[in-house]
PDB file of N, CA and C in Angstrom:
ATOM      1  N   MET A   1     -31.461-161.681 -79.912  1.00  0.00           N
ATOM      2  CA  MET A   1     -30.586-160.669 -80.453  1.00  0.00           C
ATOM      3  C   MET A   1     -30.818-159.385 -79.673  1.00  0.00           C
ATOM      4  N   ASN A   2     -29.733-158.774 -79.234  1.00  0.00           N
ATOM      5  CA  ASN A   2     -29.870-157.501 -78.527  1.00  0.00           C
ATOM      6  C   ASN A   2     -29.576-156.348 -79.484  1.00  0.00           C
ATOM      7  N   LYS A   3     -29.628-155.129 -78.978  1.00  0.00           N
ATOM      8  CA  LYS A   3     -29.493-153.951 -79.829  1.00  0.00           C
ATOM      9  C   LYS A   3     -28.138-153.898 -80.526  1.00  0.00           C
ATOM     10  N   SER A   4     -27.055-154.184 -79.818  1.00  0.00           N
ATOM     11  CA  SER A   4     -25.730-154.104 -80.449  1.00  0.00           C
ATOM     12  C   SER A   4     -25.568-155.168 -81.528  1.00  0.00           C
ATOM     13  N   GLU A   5     -26.145-156.353 -81.319  1.00  0.00           N
ATOM     14  CA  GLU A   5     -26.087-157.392 -82.353  1.00  0.00           C
ATOM     15  C   GLU A   5     -26.912-156.982 -83.569  1.00  0.00           C
ATOM     16  N   LEU A   6     -28.048-156.331 -83.332  1.00  0.00           N
ATOM     17  CA  LEU A   6     -28.873-155.839 -84.436  1.00  0.00           C
ATOM     18  C   LEU A   6     -28.122-154.771 -85.216  1.00  0.00           C
ATOM     19  N   ILE A   7     -27.452-153.879 -84.523  1.00  0.00           N
ATOM     20  CA  ILE A   7     -26.656-152.839 -85.184  1.00  0.00           C
ATOM     21  C   ILE A   7     -25.559-153.474 -86.026  1.00  0.00           C
ATOM     22  N   ASP A   8     -24.882-154.480 -85.490  1.00  0.00           N
ATOM     23  CA  ASP A   8     -23.838-155.176 -86.248  1.00  0.00           C
ATOM     24  C   ASP A   8     -24.406-155.772 -87.528  1.00  0.00           C
ATOM     25  N   GLN A   9     -25.576-156.397 -87.430  1.00  0.00           N
ATOM     26  CA  GLN A   9     -26.181-157.025 -88.600  1.00  0.00           C
ATOM     27  C   GLN A   9     -26.625-155.989 -89.624  1.00  0.00           C
ATOM     28  N   ILE A  10     -27.187-154.864 -89.161  1.00  0.00           N
ATOM     29  CA  ILE A  10     -27.591-153.789 -90.078  1.00  0.00           C
ATOM     30  C   ILE A  10     -26.367-153.240 -90.796  1.00  0.00           C
ATOM     31  N   ALA A  11     -25.298-153.009 -90.040  1.00  0.00           N
ATOM     32  CA  ALA A  11     -24.071-152.456 -90.631  1.00  0.00           C
ATOM     33  C   ALA A  11     -23.508-153.391 -91.700  1.00  0.00           C
ATOM     34  N   ALA A  12     -23.487-154.687 -91.412  1.00  0.00           N
ATOM     35  CA  ALA A  12     -22.952-155.639 -92.379  1.00  0.00           C
ATOM     36  C   ALA A  12     -23.857-155.743 -93.605  1.00  0.00           C
ATOM     37  N   SER A  13     -25.165-155.792 -93.388  1.00  0.00           N
ATOM     38  CA  SER A  13     -26.107-155.947 -94.484  1.00  0.00           C
ATOM     39  C   SER A  13     -26.140-154.722 -95.396  1.00  0.00           C
ATOM     40  N   ALA A  14     -26.102-153.530 -94.811  1.00  0.00           N
ATOM     41  CA  ALA A  14     -26.178-152.294 -95.583  1.00  0.00           C
ATOM     42  C   ALA A  14     -24.803-151.769 -95.993  1.00  0.00           C
ATOM     43  N   GLU A  15     -23.752-152.445 -95.555  1.00  0.00           N
ATOM     44  CA  GLU A  15     -22.380-152.043 -95.844  1.00  0.00           C
ATOM     45  C   GLU A  15     -22.122-150.595 -95.419  1.00  0.00           C
ATOM     46  N   ILE A  16     -22.498-150.301 -94.164  1.00  0.00           N
ATOM     47  CA  ILE A  16     -22.244-148.993 -93.576  1.00  0.00           C
ATOM     48  C   ILE A  16     -21.534-149.207 -92.243  1.00  0.00           C
ATOM     49  N   SER A  17     -21.052-148.120 -91.649  1.00  0.00           N
ATOM     50  CA  SER A  17     -20.357-148.243 -90.371  1.00  0.00           C
ATOM     51  C   SER A  17     -21.342-148.594 -89.256  1.00  0.00           C
ATOM     52  N   LYS A  18     -20.804-149.134 -88.169  1.00  0.00           N
ATOM     53  CA  LYS A  18     -21.652-149.459 -87.021  1.00  0.00           C
ATOM     54  C   LYS A  18     -22.255-148.197 -86.424  1.00  0.00           C
ATOM     55  N   ALA A  19     -21.507-147.104 -86.441  1.00  0.00           N
ATOM     56  CA  ALA A  19     -22.020-145.838 -85.909  1.00  0.00           C
ATOM     57  C   ALA A  19     -23.219-145.362 -86.727  1.00  0.00           C
ATOM     58  N   ALA A  20     -23.106-145.456 -88.052  1.00  0.00           N
ATOM     59  CA  ALA A  20     -24.214-145.037 -88.919  1.00  0.00           C
ATOM     60  C   ALA A  20     -25.413-145.963 -88.735  1.00  0.00           C
ATOM     61  N   ALA A  21     -25.152-147.253 -88.594  1.00  0.00           N
ATOM     62  CA  ALA A  21     -26.241-148.208 -88.375  1.00  0.00           C
ATOM     63  C   ALA A  21     -26.944-147.931 -87.048  1.00  0.00           C
ATOM     64  N   GLY A  22     -26.167-147.588 -86.020  1.00  0.00           N
ATOM     65  CA  GLY A  22     -26.750-147.257 -84.718  1.00  0.00           C
ATOM     66  C   GLY A  22     -27.620-146.019 -84.791  1.00  0.00           C
ATOM     67  N   ARG A  23     -27.131-145.002 -85.514  1.00  0.00           N
ATOM     68  CA  ARG A  23     -27.929-143.775 -85.675  1.00  0.00           C
ATOM     69  C   ARG A  23     -29.211-144.063 -86.456  1.00  0.00           C
ATOM     70  N   ALA A  24     -29.115-144.904 -87.481  1.00  0.00           N
ATOM     71  CA  ALA A  24     -30.297-145.241 -88.290  1.00  0.00           C
ATOM     72  C   ALA A  24     -31.321-146.000 -87.449  1.00  0.00           C
ATOM     73  N   LEU A  25     -30.846-146.952 -86.648  1.00  0.00           N
ATOM     74  CA  LEU A  25     -31.761-147.709 -85.795  1.00  0.00           C
ATOM     75  C   LEU A  25     -32.419-146.797 -84.766  1.00  0.00           C
ATOM     76  N   ASP A  26     -31.630-145.936 -84.127  1.00  0.00           N
ATOM     77  CA  ASP A  26     -32.185-144.997 -83.141  1.00  0.00           C
ATOM     78  C   ASP A  26     -33.222-144.075 -83.775  1.00  0.00           C
ATOM     79  N   ALA A  27     -32.928-143.598 -85.002  1.00  0.00           N
ATOM     80  CA  ALA A  27     -33.864-142.712 -85.696  1.00  0.00           C
ATOM     81  C   ALA A  27     -35.155-143.455 -86.043  1.00  0.00           C
ATOM     82  N   THR A  28     -35.045-144.717 -86.444  1.00  0.00           N
ATOM     83  CA  THR A  28     -36.220-145.514 -86.777  1.00  0.00           C
ATOM     84  C   THR A  28     -37.095-145.733 -85.552  1.00  0.00           C
ATOM     85  N   VAL A  29     -36.472-146.119 -84.445  1.00  0.00           N
ATOM     86  CA  VAL A  29     -37.222-146.346 -83.207  1.00  0.00           C
ATOM     87  C   VAL A  29     -37.884-145.052 -82.740  1.00  0.00           C
ATOM     88  N   ALA A  30     -37.164-143.933 -82.830  1.00  0.00           N
ATOM     89  CA  ALA A  30     -37.725-142.643 -82.425  1.00  0.00           C
ATOM     90  C   ALA A  30     -38.918-142.265 -83.306  1.00  0.00           C
ATOM     91  N   ALA A  31     -38.821-142.518 -84.600  1.00  0.00           N
ATOM     92  CA  ALA A  31     -39.922-142.191 -85.514  1.00  0.00           C
ATOM     93  C   ALA A  31     -41.155-143.039 -85.205  1.00  0.00           C
ATOM     94  N   VAL A  32     -40.957-144.322 -84.915  1.00  0.00           N
ATOM     95  CA  VAL A  32     -42.089-145.187 -84.576  1.00  0.00           C
ATOM     96  C   VAL A  32     -42.726-144.725 -83.273  1.00  0.00           C
ATOM     97  N   LYS A  33     -41.895-144.425 -82.257  1.00  0.00           N
ATOM     98  CA  LYS A  33     -42.429-143.937 -80.976  1.00  0.00           C
ATOM     99  C   LYS A  33     -43.215-142.649 -81.159  1.00  0.00           C
ATOM    100  N   SER A  34     -42.676-141.732 -81.946  1.00  0.00           N
ATOM    101  CA  SER A  34     -43.337-140.446 -82.174  1.00  0.00           C
ATOM    102  C   SER A  34     -44.693-140.638 -82.856  1.00  0.00           C
ATOM    103  N   ALA A  35     -44.736-141.512 -83.846  1.00  0.00           N
ATOM    104  CA  ALA A  35     -46.004-141.761 -84.545  1.00  0.00           C
ATOM    105  C   ALA A  35     -47.020-142.392 -83.609  1.00  0.00           C
ATOM    106  N   LEU A  36     -46.581-143.335 -82.773  1.00  0.00           N
ATOM    107  CA  LEU A  36     -47.513-143.982 -81.843  1.00  0.00           C
ATOM    108  C   LEU A  36     -48.031-143.005 -80.799  1.00  0.00           C
ATOM    109  N   LYS A  37     -47.158-142.111 -80.317  1.00  0.00           N
ATOM    110  CA  LYS A  37     -47.604-141.101 -79.353  1.00  0.00           C
ATOM    111  C   LYS A  37     -48.642-140.178 -79.954  1.00  0.00           C
ATOM    112  N   ALA A  38     -48.519-139.922 -81.260  1.00  0.00           N
ATOM    113  CA  ALA A  38     -49.474-139.057 -81.952  1.00  0.00           C
ATOM    114  C   ALA A  38     -50.763-139.802 -82.299  1.00  0.00           C
ATOM    115  N   GLY A  39     -50.816-141.112 -82.010  1.00  0.00           N
ATOM    116  CA  GLY A  39     -52.017-141.892 -82.287  1.00  0.00           C
ATOM    117  C   GLY A  39     -52.034-142.509 -83.667  1.00  0.00           C
ATOM    118  N   ASP A  40     -50.952-142.368 -84.422  1.00  0.00           N
ATOM    119  CA  ASP A  40     -50.872-142.945 -85.761  1.00  0.00           C
ATOM    120  C   ASP A  40     -50.383-144.387 -85.682  1.00  0.00           C
ATOM    121  N   SER A  41     -50.438-145.071 -86.806  1.00  0.00           N
ATOM    122  CA  SER A  41     -49.856-146.407 -86.894  1.00  0.00           C
ATOM    123  C   SER A  41     -48.722-146.354 -87.915  1.00  0.00           C
ATOM    124  N   VAL A  42     -47.811-147.318 -87.831  1.00  0.00           N
ATOM    125  CA  VAL A  42     -46.678-147.386 -88.746  1.00  0.00           C
ATOM    126  C   VAL A  42     -46.732-148.738 -89.432  1.00  0.00           C
ATOM    127  N   SER A  43     -46.910-148.740 -90.760  1.00  0.00           N
ATOM    128  CA  SER A  43     -46.979-149.983 -91.527  1.00  0.00           C
ATOM    129  C   SER A  43     -45.665-150.213 -92.246  1.00  0.00           C
ATOM    130  N   LEU A  44     -45.069-151.370 -92.007  1.00  0.00           N
ATOM    131  CA  LEU A  44     -43.864-151.780 -92.717  1.00  0.00           C
ATOM    132  C   LEU A  44     -44.257-152.983 -93.566  1.00  0.00           C
ATOM    133  N   ILE A  45     -44.388-152.767 -94.871  1.00  0.00           N
ATOM    134  CA  ILE A  45     -44.833-153.810 -95.774  1.00  0.00           C
ATOM    135  C   ILE A  45     -43.885-155.005 -95.666  1.00  0.00           C
ATOM    136  N   GLY A  46     -44.455-156.181 -95.522  1.00  0.00           N
ATOM    137  CA  GLY A  46     -43.660-157.392 -95.403  1.00  0.00           C
ATOM    138  C   GLY A  46     -43.248-157.701 -93.975  1.00  0.00           C
ATOM    139  N   PHE A  47     -43.552-156.811 -93.030  1.00  0.00           N
ATOM    140  CA  PHE A  47     -43.208-157.062 -91.624  1.00  0.00           C
ATOM    141  C   PHE A  47     -44.436-157.004 -90.733  1.00  0.00           C
ATOM    142  N   GLY A  48     -45.118-155.871 -90.727  1.00  0.00           N
ATOM    143  CA  GLY A  48     -46.302-155.728 -89.892  1.00  0.00           C
ATOM    144  C   GLY A  48     -46.621-154.271 -89.637  1.00  0.00           C
ATOM    145  N   THR A  49     -47.596-154.035 -88.794  1.00  0.00           N
ATOM    146  CA  THR A  49     -48.047-152.681 -88.475  1.00  0.00           C
ATOM    147  C   THR A  49     -47.980-152.452 -86.978  1.00  0.00           C
ATOM    148  N   PHE A  50     -47.263-151.407 -86.585  1.00  0.00           N
ATOM    149  CA  PHE A  50     -47.215-150.970 -85.195  1.00  0.00           C
ATOM    150  C   PHE A  50     -48.401-150.043 -84.997  1.00  0.00           C
ATOM    151  N   SER A  51     -49.163-150.245 -83.940  1.00  0.00           N
ATOM    152  CA  SER A  51     -50.326-149.401 -83.703  1.00  0.00           C
ATOM    153  C   SER A  51     -50.536-149.229 -82.199  1.00  0.00           C
ATOM    154  N   VAL A  52     -51.525-148.390 -81.862  1.00  0.00           N
ATOM    155  CA  VAL A  52     -51.862-148.151 -80.460  1.00  0.00           C
ATOM    156  C   VAL A  52     -53.205-148.803 -80.186  1.00  0.00           C
ATOM    157  N   GLY A  53     -53.265-149.557 -79.107  1.00  0.00           N
ATOM    158  CA  GLY A  53     -54.507-150.205 -78.709  1.00  0.00           C
ATOM    159  C   GLY A  53     -54.936-149.707 -77.343  1.00  0.00           C
ATOM    160  N   ALA A  54     -56.149-150.006 -76.984  1.00  0.00           N
ATOM    161  CA  ALA A  54     -56.675-149.607 -75.682  1.00  0.00           C
ATOM    162  C   ALA A  54     -56.759-150.827 -74.774  1.00  0.00           C
ATOM    163  N   ARG A  55     -56.281-150.673 -73.566  1.00  0.00           N
ATOM    164  CA  ARG A  55     -56.424-151.717 -72.551  1.00  0.00           C
ATOM    165  C   ARG A  55     -57.454-151.227 -71.545  1.00  0.00           C
ATOM    166  N   ALA A  56     -58.464-152.020 -71.312  1.00  0.00           N
ATOM    167  CA  ALA A  56     -59.553-151.631 -70.411  1.00  0.00           C
ATOM    168  C   ALA A  56     -59.073-151.638 -68.953  1.00  0.00           C
ATOM    169  N   ALA A  57     -59.768-150.879 -68.131  1.00  0.00           N
ATOM    170  CA  ALA A  57     -59.488-150.899 -66.696  1.00  0.00           C
ATOM    171  C   ALA A  57     -59.834-152.285 -66.167  1.00  0.00           C
ATOM    172  N   ARG A  58     -59.092-152.725 -65.185  1.00  0.00           N
ATOM    173  CA  ARG A  58     -59.328-154.063 -64.646  1.00  0.00           C
ATOM    174  C   ARG A  58     -58.884-154.126 -63.192  1.00  0.00           C
ATOM    175  N   THR A  59     -59.235-155.222 -62.553  1.00  0.00           N
ATOM    176  CA  THR A  59     -58.820-155.444 -61.171  1.00  0.00           C
ATOM    177  C   THR A  59     -57.649-156.407 -61.168  1.00  0.00           C
ATOM    178  N   GLY A  60     -56.577-156.028 -60.469  1.00  0.00           N
ATOM    179  CA  GLY A  60     -55.404-156.877 -60.348  1.00  0.00           C
ATOM    180  C   GLY A  60     -55.164-157.228 -58.894  1.00  0.00           C
ATOM    181  N   ARG A  61     -54.094-157.927 -58.643  1.00  0.00           N
ATOM    182  CA  ARG A  61     -53.743-158.307 -57.269  1.00  0.00           C
ATOM    183  C   ARG A  61     -52.296-157.975 -56.996  1.00  0.00           C
ATOM    184  N   ASN A  62     -52.046-157.461 -55.790  1.00  0.00           N
ATOM    185  CA  ASN A  62     -50.679-157.249 -55.340  1.00  0.00           C
ATOM    186  C   ASN A  62     -50.092-158.629 -55.044  1.00  0.00           C
ATOM    187  N   PRO A  63     -48.992-159.021 -55.723  1.00  0.00           N
ATOM    188  CA  PRO A  63     -48.482-160.370 -55.520  1.00  0.00           C
ATOM    189  C   PRO A  63     -47.948-160.630 -54.112  1.00  0.00           C
ATOM    190  N   ARG A  64     -47.537-159.604 -53.413  1.00  0.00           N
ATOM    191  CA  ARG A  64     -47.013-159.796 -52.048  1.00  0.00           C
ATOM    192  C   ARG A  64     -48.115-159.967 -51.019  1.00  0.00           C
ATOM    193  N   THR A  65     -49.133-159.116 -51.132  1.00  0.00           N
ATOM    194  CA  THR A  65     -50.176-159.133 -50.116  1.00  0.00           C
ATOM    195  C   THR A  65     -51.433-159.863 -50.552  1.00  0.00           C
ATOM    196  N   GLY A  66     -51.622-160.016 -51.870  1.00  0.00           N
ATOM    197  CA  GLY A  66     -52.831-160.640 -52.377  1.00  0.00           C
ATOM    198  C   GLY A  66     -54.017-159.691 -52.402  1.00  0.00           C
ATOM    199  N   LYS A  67     -53.798-158.450 -51.986  1.00  0.00           N
ATOM    200  CA  LYS A  67     -54.863-157.459 -51.935  1.00  0.00           C
ATOM    201  C   LYS A  67     -55.256-157.031 -53.353  1.00  0.00           C
ATOM    202  N   ALA A  68     -56.569-156.914 -53.600  1.00  0.00           N
ATOM    203  CA  ALA A  68     -57.081-156.481 -54.896  1.00  0.00           C
ATOM    204  C   ALA A  68     -56.805-154.986 -55.072  1.00  0.00           C
ATOM    205  N   LEU A  69     -56.468-154.598 -56.311  1.00  0.00           N
ATOM    206  CA  LEU A  69     -56.274-153.181 -56.611  1.00  0.00           C
ATOM    207  C   LEU A  69     -56.776-152.895 -58.010  1.00  0.00           C
ATOM    208  N   LYS A  70     -57.148-151.644 -58.229  1.00  0.00           N
ATOM    209  CA  LYS A  70     -57.686-151.248 -59.521  1.00  0.00           C
ATOM    210  C   LYS A  70     -56.550-150.780 -60.421  1.00  0.00           C
ATOM    211  N   ILE A  71     -56.553-151.278 -61.654  1.00  0.00           N
ATOM    212  CA  ILE A  71     -55.568-150.871 -62.655  1.00  0.00           C
ATOM    213  C   ILE A  71     -56.312-150.012 -63.667  1.00  0.00           C
ATOM    214  N   LYS A  72     -55.809-148.806 -63.910  1.00  0.00           N
ATOM    215  CA  LYS A  72     -56.465-147.854 -64.803  1.00  0.00           C
ATOM    216  C   LYS A  72     -56.420-148.331 -66.253  1.00  0.00           C
ATOM    217  N   ALA A  73     -57.349-147.823 -67.043  1.00  0.00           N
ATOM    218  CA  ALA A  73     -57.329-148.052 -68.483  1.00  0.00           C
ATOM    219  C   ALA A  73     -56.091-147.374 -69.046  1.00  0.00           C
ATOM    220  N   ALA A  74     -55.547-147.918 -70.113  1.00  0.00           N
ATOM    221  CA  ALA A  74     -54.325-147.358 -70.681  1.00  0.00           C
ATOM    222  C   ALA A  74     -54.278-147.574 -72.184  1.00  0.00           C
ATOM    223  N   LYS A  75     -53.494-146.752 -72.852  1.00  0.00           N
ATOM    224  CA  LYS A  75     -53.182-146.960 -74.263  1.00  0.00           C
ATOM    225  C   LYS A  75     -51.867-147.724 -74.305  1.00  0.00           C
ATOM    226  N   VAL A  76     -51.820-148.790 -75.097  1.00  0.00           N
ATOM    227  CA  VAL A  76     -50.625-149.624 -75.172  1.00  0.00           C
ATOM    228  C   VAL A  76     -50.220-149.840 -76.624  1.00  0.00           C
ATOM    229  N   PRO A  77     -48.904-149.911 -76.873  1.00  0.00           N
ATOM    230  CA  PRO A  77     -48.471-150.184 -78.244  1.00  0.00           C
ATOM    231  C   PRO A  77     -48.720-151.643 -78.609  1.00  0.00           C
ATOM    232  N   LYS A  78     -49.141-151.870 -79.832  1.00  0.00           N
ATOM    233  CA  LYS A  78     -49.293-153.226 -80.360  1.00  0.00           C
ATOM    234  C   LYS A  78     -48.153-153.441 -81.334  1.00  0.00           C
ATOM    235  N   VAL A  79     -47.432-154.520 -81.124  1.00  0.00           N
ATOM    236  CA  VAL A  79     -46.275-154.821 -81.956  1.00  0.00           C
ATOM    237  C   VAL A  79     -46.576-156.095 -82.731  1.00  0.00           C
ATOM    238  N   PRO A  80     -46.240-156.129 -84.012  1.00  0.00           N
ATOM    239  CA  PRO A  80     -46.556-157.311 -84.811  1.00  0.00           C
ATOM    240  C   PRO A  80     -45.790-158.537 -84.331  1.00  0.00           C
ATOM    241  N   SER A  81     -46.446-159.690 -84.395  1.00  0.00           N
ATOM    242  CA  SER A  81     -45.779-160.936 -84.052  1.00  0.00           C
ATOM    243  C   SER A  81     -45.773-161.852 -85.253  1.00  0.00           C
ATOM    244  N   GLY A  82     -45.654-161.282 -86.396  1.00  0.00           N
ATOM    245  CA  GLY A  82     -45.741-162.049 -87.633  1.00  0.00           C
ATOM    246  C   GLY A  82     -47.016-161.682 -88.344  1.00  0.00           C
ATOM    247  N   GLN A  83     -47.225-162.283 -89.483  1.00  0.00           N
ATOM    248  CA  GLN A  83     -48.394-161.943 -90.281  1.00  0.00           C
ATOM    249  C   GLN A  83     -49.281-163.165 -90.446  1.00  0.00           C
ATOM    250  N   GLY A  84     -49.641-163.766 -89.346  1.00  0.00           N
ATOM    251  CA  GLY A  84     -50.462-164.968 -89.415  1.00  0.00           C
ATOM    252  C   GLY A  84     -49.628-166.127 -89.926  1.00  0.00           C
ATOM    253  N   PRO A  85     -50.268-167.161 -90.442  1.00  0.00           N
ATOM    254  CA  PRO A  85     -49.538-168.340 -90.892  1.00  0.00           C
ATOM    255  C   PRO A  85     -48.506-168.041 -91.974  1.00  0.00           C
ATOM    256  N   GLN A  86     -48.817-167.128 -92.881  1.00  0.00           N
ATOM    257  CA  GLN A  86     -47.862-166.827 -93.952  1.00  0.00           C
ATOM    258  C   GLN A  86     -46.585-166.213 -93.396  1.00  0.00           C
ATOM    259  N   GLY A  87     -46.708-165.260 -92.459  1.00  0.00           N
ATOM    260  CA  GLY A  87     -45.534-164.625 -91.875  1.00  0.00           C
ATOM    261  C   GLY A  87     -44.708-165.595 -91.060  1.00  0.00           C
ATOM    262  N   ARG A  88     -45.375-166.500 -90.338  1.00  0.00           N
ATOM    263  CA  ARG A  88     -44.645-167.496 -89.558  1.00  0.00           C
ATOM    264  C   ARG A  88     -43.887-168.447 -90.459  1.00  0.00           C
ATOM    265  N   ARG A  89     -44.478-168.772 -91.607  1.00  0.00           N
ATOM    266  CA  ARG A  89     -43.771-169.638 -92.551  1.00  0.00           C
ATOM    267  C   ARG A  89     -42.488-168.980 -93.025  1.00  0.00           C
ATOM    268  N   GLN A  90     -42.531-167.682 -93.270  1.00  0.00           N
ATOM    269  CA  GLN A  90     -41.339-166.976 -93.716  1.00  0.00           C
ATOM    270  C   GLN A  90     -40.282-166.975 -92.635  1.00  0.00           C
ATOM    271  N   LEU A  91     -40.688-166.852 -91.377  1.00  0.00           N
ATOM    272  CA  LEU A  91     -39.729-166.808 -90.281  1.00  0.00           C
ATOM    273  C   LEU A  91     -39.121-168.168 -89.985  1.00  0.00           C
ATOM    274  N   THR A  92     -39.909-169.216 -90.033  1.00  0.00           N
ATOM    275  CA  THR A  92     -39.413-170.522 -89.622  1.00  0.00           C
ATOM    276  C   THR A  92     -39.037-171.421 -90.780  1.00  0.00           C
ATOM    277  N   GLY A  93     -39.616-171.198 -91.935  1.00  0.00           N
ATOM    278  CA  GLY A  93     -39.365-172.064 -93.064  1.00  0.00           C
ATOM    279  C   GLY A  93     -40.116-173.385 -92.964  1.00  0.00           C
ATOM    280  N   LEU A  94     -40.969-173.542 -91.958  1.00  0.00           N
ATOM    281  CA  LEU A  94     -41.740-174.762 -91.775  1.00  0.00           C
ATOM    282  C   LEU A  94     -43.208-174.497 -92.035  1.00  0.00           C
ATOM    283  N   ARG A  95     -43.938-175.535 -92.351  1.00  0.00           N
ATOM    284  CA  ARG A  95     -45.378-175.411 -92.511  1.00  0.00           C
ATOM    285  C   ARG A  95     -46.015-175.381 -91.137  1.00  0.00           C
ATOM    286  N   VAL A  96     -47.111-174.653 -91.010  1.00  0.00           N
ATOM    287  CA  VAL A  96     -47.820-174.545 -89.737  1.00  0.00           C
ATOM    288  C   VAL A  96     -49.218-175.112 -89.887  1.00  0.00           C
ATOM    289  N   LEU A  97     -49.950-175.177 -88.784  1.00  0.00           N
ATOM    290  CA  LEU A  97     -51.330-175.661 -88.840  1.00  0.00           C
ATOM    291  C   LEU A  97     -52.155-174.792 -89.767  1.00  0.00           C
ATOM    292  N   SER A  98     -52.974-175.399 -90.566  1.00  0.00           N
ATOM    293  CA  SER A  98     -53.834-174.638 -91.455  1.00  0.00           C
ATOM    294  C   SER A  98     -55.006-174.081 -90.665  1.00  0.00           C
ATOM    295  N   SER A  99     -55.775-173.225 -91.303  1.00  0.00           N
ATOM    296  CA  SER A  99     -56.904-172.603 -90.619  1.00  0.00           C
ATOM    297  C   SER A  99     -58.024-173.592 -90.343  1.00  0.00           C
ATOM    298  N   VAL A 100     -58.013-174.760 -91.005  1.00  0.00           N
ATOM    299  CA  VAL A 100     -59.052-175.744 -90.749  1.00  0.00           C
ATOM    300  C   VAL A 100     -58.615-176.744 -89.688  1.00  0.00           C
ATOM    301  N   GLY A 101     -57.450-176.583 -89.115  1.00  0.00           N
ATOM    302  CA  GLY A 101     -57.035-177.389 -87.983  1.00  0.00           C
ATOM    303  C   GLY A 101     -56.318-178.673 -88.321  1.00  0.00           C
ATOM    304  N   ARG A 102     -55.940-178.885 -89.586  1.00  0.00           N
ATOM    305  CA  ARG A 102     -55.204-180.086 -89.950  1.00  0.00           C
ATOM    306  C   ARG A 102     -53.722-179.861 -89.725  1.00  0.00           C
ATOM    307  N   ALA A 103     -53.044-180.836 -89.149  1.00  0.00           N
ATOM    308  CA  ALA A 103     -51.612-180.716 -88.897  1.00  0.00           C
ATOM    309  C   ALA A 103     -50.850-180.861 -90.212  1.00  0.00           C
ATOM    310  N   SER A 104     -49.789-180.111 -90.345  1.00  0.00           N
ATOM    311  CA  SER A 104     -48.967-180.205 -91.545  1.00  0.00           C
ATOM    312  C   SER A 104     -48.073-181.435 -91.467  1.00  0.00           C
ATOM    313  N   PRO A 105     -47.597-181.942 -92.599  1.00  0.00           N
ATOM    314  CA  PRO A 105     -46.749-183.128 -92.594  1.00  0.00           C
ATOM    315  C   PRO A 105     -45.435-182.928 -91.837  1.00  0.00           C
ATOM    316  N   LEU A 106     -44.942-181.697 -91.726  1.00  0.00           N
ATOM    317  CA  LEU A 106     -43.666-181.455 -91.062  1.00  0.00           C
ATOM    318  C   LEU A 106     -43.804-181.242 -89.563  1.00  0.00           C
ATOM    319  N   GLN A 107     -45.022-181.133 -89.068  1.00  0.00           N
ATOM    320  CA  GLN A 107     -45.197-180.872 -87.645  1.00  0.00           C
ATOM    321  C   GLN A 107     -44.646-182.038 -86.845  1.00  0.00           C
ATOM    322  N   GLY A 108     -43.861-181.754 -85.831  1.00  0.00           N
ATOM    323  CA  GLY A 108     -43.290-182.779 -84.974  1.00  0.00           C
ATOM    324  C   GLY A 108     -41.895-183.177 -85.409  1.00  0.00           C
ATOM    325  N   GLU A 109     -41.521-182.871 -86.645  1.00  0.00           N
ATOM    326  CA  GLU A 109     -40.174-183.154 -87.087  1.00  0.00           C
ATOM    327  C   GLU A 109     -39.261-182.021 -86.676  1.00  0.00           C
ATOM    328  N   CYS A 110     -37.998-182.198 -86.821  1.00  0.00           N
ATOM    329  CA  CYS A 110     -36.988-181.176 -86.536  1.00  0.00           C
ATOM    330  C   CYS A 110     -36.870-180.859 -85.057  1.00  0.00           C
ATOM    331  N   ARG A 111     -37.363-181.710 -84.195  1.00  0.00           N
ATOM    332  CA  ARG A 111     -37.250-181.442 -82.770  1.00  0.00           C
ATOM    333  C   ARG A 111     -35.927-181.933 -82.217  1.00  0.00           C
ATOM    334  N   GLY A 112     -35.338-182.945 -82.837  1.00  0.00           N
ATOM    335  CA  GLY A 112     -34.042-183.433 -82.418  1.00  0.00           C
ATOM    336  C   GLY A 112     -34.081-184.302 -81.174  1.00  0.00           C
ATOM    337  N   PHE A 113     -35.220-184.855 -80.798  1.00  0.00           N
ATOM    338  CA  PHE A 113     -35.317-185.695 -79.608  1.00  0.00           C
ATOM    339  C   PHE A 113     -35.392-187.160 -80.018  1.00  0.00           C
ATOM    340  N   GLU A 114     -34.764-187.999 -79.255  1.00  0.00           N
ATOM    341  CA  GLU A 114     -34.883-189.426 -79.466  1.00  0.00           C
ATOM    342  C   GLU A 114     -35.887-189.956 -78.454  1.00  0.00           C
ATOM    343  N   PRO A 115     -36.515-191.091 -78.728  1.00  0.00           N
ATOM    344  CA  PRO A 115     -37.424-191.681 -77.743  1.00  0.00           C
ATOM    345  C   PRO A 115     -36.673-192.007 -76.454  1.00  0.00           C
ATOM    346  N   LEU A 116     -37.347-191.921 -75.328  1.00  0.00           N
ATOM    347  CA  LEU A 116     -36.708-192.174 -74.052  1.00  0.00           C
ATOM    348  C   LEU A 116     -36.137-193.571 -73.949  1.00  0.00           C
ATOM    349  N   SER A 117     -36.741-194.543 -74.637  1.00  0.00           N
ATOM    350  CA  SER A 117     -36.279-195.923 -74.526  1.00  0.00           C
ATOM    351  C   SER A 117     -34.880-196.127 -75.072  1.00  0.00           C
ATOM    352  N   THR A 118     -34.388-195.202 -75.905  1.00  0.00           N
ATOM    353  CA  THR A 118     -33.056-195.377 -76.469  1.00  0.00           C
ATOM    354  C   THR A 118     -31.959-194.743 -75.612  1.00  0.00           C
ATOM    355  N   HIS A 119     -32.332-193.928 -74.646  1.00  0.00           N
ATOM    356  CA  HIS A 119     -31.340-193.298 -73.782  1.00  0.00           C
ATOM    357  C   HIS A 119     -30.847-194.281 -72.728  1.00  0.00           C
ATOM    358  N   GLN A 120     -29.563-194.232 -72.446  1.00  0.00           N
ATOM    359  CA  GLN A 120     -29.011-195.086 -71.406  1.00  0.00           C
ATOM    360  C   GLN A 120     -28.849-194.307 -70.136  1.00  0.00           C
ATOM    361  N   THR A 121     -29.034-194.978 -68.991  1.00  0.00           N
ATOM    362  CA  THR A 121     -28.904-194.290 -67.701  1.00  0.00           C
ATOM    363  C   THR A 121     -27.584-194.584 -67.079  1.00  0.00           C
TER     364      THR A 121
END
């Protein structure tokens, strides 16, 4: 989903104009950026927490020349990717691996693939 599709969905869900939805989205993104620049975190209950993390200095390589180069330490935004197994369940509607490593009964289903032996060439 790109920004214009997100704006369309916000407008339809909130029953507001696309222009108002665009302004609301822009204001939200600006507020999150401003808080992160100030070193704060932004918690959205039921979604996740945007925060600032530290990336250590490291040695990288120039892909063209292969020459080693030093990459400075930096502050980087951390964006939520779900809320662990519970958040992933909400996003996918499927059961995921438990913390003890046992596969769920639904794992492997819903892939839509047939065995190769049934395909004709």
